[in-house]
């Protein structure tokens, strides 16, 4: 009846609806809408239109808004229509205003007087419409103007008004969580009408979620209400196809979930109620709709049992329900997997018994079930099931039909379960290398997350078998388009110190991407600190990069060239030598090296020693330790804008700009003596102010 008019539809309105229905494409629909929007904008400006004509315009605005087109140009007409004396027109005005306006919009203030007038009316219909509109339109700025009137409506003789007043209080609580009215909420919860009581449950759900300790004393009240609902004491009008108030049961179970968390006494007090809910919801249902409602309640009660203090009898019931869900229809399988994931987190020993059953769902045709099964493996795999789980996930990666999203999920799951439960470091590194070999290749412009995980782990682990595996993998593949090419470049100097091997990559440097060149230059710096100066062919090939357009590549090349020119460079980075004494000696013996600042030189040598020495500590394997990303050097400018000699080490996960601004153009190349005399270790020159972002600089 809302979209009708007292005098019926006009021919133009019927044609508008017919044109929409006849549109076969989105383009045809947009043409119809554009014509109608243009006509409405002209018609709205026409004065002295009758109420029926204005009503029809507003109904058209509803259609335009529902189909995703902008209809805000008709807001003022909707606000005027809400002030009509006719309930029929007033209802449409409030409806259109609620659709086109958001809480806090300035135009919504124009409705305040009309809403206050309707709230003071003796008509129950007008009060009901005003309360509904307040929920949709009023923001923080107008709450204080309506709050006293809303509180009075909690004592209204009509239950529909009390119910809508509680809904308004809930909306006010969402807008301003700092203002609570516990007495008013308790009054609504104890209302003799069940509809008002159920309307108060979302309020308490929000409060118990945010401040459970404050409302633990109300546990008995909520359990008593739940018992009354489960036993069918409410009126039949609250039943859903003979199932007693499923939405109210779900709200109450969620409230008990927050109240009983980490509270043994409260959890024991509510255990008999949870037993009762499971027993009633597990009974035979008369209709399919009632059976669906029972499944929703069973799912929520299982979530509550797994969240409160553990009770072995209840957990046994949950395992039975999970087994029923996993062996039933597809929609229940997904619910069962979600419950199993939580069971594995709370009771790993019990959840591990379901892991072999989960394998079959990792290749399910339903993507939701497949993703849920992989999430279960992520938290539920134990050392006993590690081998089978990795085999299943690697088989998924080997499938040619594996999507990019599924591949990413499987790779991250394999990396996580391997890190937690691998029997040895070599086993874990071997697993990561298998993933790199099986997973579909990514563009050579960036390393894969698995490669970063492998590098992070290798930089913090000292193990002879790991070193052998990395050396072998680094020498297997020289294809610049493969992910292993990144590993080969990174291993230069760290696991494969050989200038001949480095020469292979230097000869391909013109075919490498900018990021690969950064990795190569950084690895060569490490190689120089271990083997000494660069051979002449490599030196001549890399020297032109000191004038590269990329400030990062230019900076790395300058560091490499100047480091290679230092006499006895390997002695500087000998871990058995006192760095400061060597530094002072070098400053005394090489006055032309441009090392005027002792502090800056010390920082530079410390930085490069970290890069040259590689892993310096052995981490305990097999524990769930928070991993840190590789570190990189960032030169932080001082307050006056000049380069800061101090180097700060940050995680590569943070956002660091890759390139300098377009105004930073490279200066003409300097001769080698000039480079040696002007470059200062540990700080950027003016033409190389950009920050580093290479994740391998660790």
Foldseek 3Di string as FASTA:
>chain_A
DLLAFPVGDDPVLVVLVVQCVPDPDPVSNVVSLVVLQVVLLVVVPDPDDDLRVLSNSLSVLVVCVVVPHDSLVCLVSLLVQCQDPDLSSVLSSLVSNLSNAAAPDPSLVSCPVVLVVLLPDPDPSSVLSSLVSLLRYHAPVCCVVCVVSLLVQCPPPDVSSVQSSLSNVQSNCVRPVVDDDVVSLVSQCPDPAVSSNLSSLVVLLVVCQVPVVVCLVCLVVLLVVLVCQLVPVHDPVCADLNRGNLVSLLSSLSSLLSNQAPPPVSCVVNVVSLVSLLVSLPDDHDDPRSVVSSLVNLLSSLSSQLRGDHDPVSVVVSVVQLVVLCPDDPVSVLSSLVSLLSCCVRPLVVSLVCLVVLLVQCPDPDPSSNLSSLSSLLRRDALVCLVVLLVSLLVLLQDPPRDPVSLVSSLVSNLRVCQQRPPDPLRSLVSLVSSQVRHDFDFLQDADPSVQVSLLVQLAADDPSSLVVLVVLLPPDCDSGGNSVLSVLLCDLPNNLDLVSLVVVLVCVVVHDPLSLLSNLLSLLLSCLAPAAHPPVSLVSLQVQCQPQFLSSVVSSLSNNLCNPDPPNNVCLDPVDDNLVVLVVCCVPCVQQQAPDSVLVVQLSVLSSSLNVGHDHHDDGNHPDDGFGAWDWWFDADPVRHTDLHTDIDGLVDDFDRGDDPPLGGDPDDDPSVSRRPDYGSTDDPSNNGTDRRRSSD
